[in-house]
Amino acid sequence: MDGRGRWLDNVYIERFWWTAKYECTHLQGFETLPELQVGLERFMHWYNDERIHSSLGYRVPSDVYSGAVALVR
């Protein structure tokens, strides 16, 4: 992962984990590892299938990935 332009590969992952940390783990305050695992699974489902993203034209990532077209007004 060295070379020109490789920093861009990490931007999306870093942004996702920042969001997961501040919108999930800090708010929930999980006590055990199994609670954390279940919480992160729920968060990832919500993040990919329900949460709209302005950078994706106010669509959810799963629709963009599958090629579904959503009407935005």
Protein backbone atom coordinates (compact mmCIF):
# COMPACT_ATOMS: atom_id res chain seq x y z
CA MET A 1 0.00 0.00 0.00
CA ASP A 2 2.65 2.47 -0.91
CA GLY A 3 2.80 4.72 -3.87
CA ARG A 4 1.03 7.73 -5.18
CA GLY A 5 -2.71 7.89 -4.51
CA ARG A 6 -2.85 4.95 -2.10
CA TRP A 7 -4.00 7.17 0.77
CA LEU A 8 -7.36 7.41 -0.97
CA ASP A 9 -7.96 3.69 -0.45
CA ASN A 10 -8.06 4.22 3.33
CA VAL A 11 -10.32 7.29 3.38
CA TYR A 12 -13.58 5.35 3.12
CA ILE A 13 -12.66 2.81 5.79
CA GLU A 14 -11.42 5.52 8.17
CA ARG A 15 -14.63 7.50 7.67
CA PHE A 16 -16.78 4.41 8.32
CA TRP A 17 -14.99 3.48 11.56
CA TRP A 18 -15.11 7.09 12.77
CA THR A 19 -18.87 7.01 12.24
CA ALA A 20 -19.20 3.60 13.90
CA LYS A 21 -17.22 4.79 16.89
CA TYR A 22 -19.16 8.00 17.47
CA GLU A 23 -22.66 6.92 16.39
CA CYS A 24 -22.62 3.41 17.86
CA THR A 25 -20.00 2.41 20.41
CA HIS A 26 -19.75 5.68 22.36
CA LEU A 27 -23.52 6.08 22.55
CA GLN A 28 -24.31 2.49 23.52
CA GLY A 29 -21.56 1.86 26.06
CA PHE A 30 -21.27 -1.89 25.50
CA GLU A 31 -20.16 -3.89 28.54
CA THR A 32 -19.06 -7.18 26.96
CA LEU A 33 -17.56 -8.35 23.68
CA PRO A 34 -20.71 -10.26 22.61
CA GLU A 35 -22.78 -7.10 23.18
CA LEU A 36 -20.30 -5.13 21.07
CA GLN A 37 -20.44 -7.71 18.26
CA VAL A 38 -24.24 -7.66 18.14
CA GLY A 39 -24.28 -3.86 18.34
CA LEU A 40 -21.79 -3.49 15.48
CA GLU A 41 -23.74 -5.98 13.34
CA ARG A 42 -26.90 -3.93 13.88
CA PHE A 43 -25.02 -0.71 13.16
CA MET A 44 -23.56 -2.09 9.92
CA HIS A 45 -26.99 -3.21 8.77
CA TRP A 46 -28.44 0.22 9.57
CA TYR A 47 -25.48 2.04 7.99
CA ASN A 48 -25.64 0.08 4.72
CA ASP A 49 -29.38 -0.54 4.34
CA GLU A 50 -31.23 2.31 6.07
CA ARG A 51 -29.03 5.39 6.60
CA ILE A 52 -29.02 7.80 3.67
CA HIS A 53 -25.71 9.36 2.63
CA SER A 54 -25.49 12.84 1.13
CA SER A 55 -22.35 11.88 -0.79
CA LEU A 56 -24.34 9.13 -2.54
CA GLY A 57 -27.13 11.43 -3.66
CA TYR A 58 -29.21 10.76 -0.53
CA ARG A 59 -29.35 7.03 -1.21
CA VAL A 60 -28.32 4.07 0.92
CA PRO A 61 -25.05 2.28 0.11
CA SER A 62 -26.73 -1.08 -0.58
CA ASP A 63 -28.87 0.51 -3.33
CA VAL A 64 -25.85 2.18 -4.90
CA TYR A 65 -23.84 -1.05 -4.76
CA SER A 66 -26.63 -3.14 -6.30
CA GLY A 67 -27.25 -0.52 -8.97
CA ALA A 68 -30.78 0.30 -7.87
CA VAL A 69 -31.99 3.75 -8.88
CA ALA A 70 -33.80 5.81 -6.24
CA LEU A 71 -35.85 8.88 -7.05
CA VAL A 72 -34.58 11.90 -5.15
CA ARG A 73 -36.66 15.03 -5.01
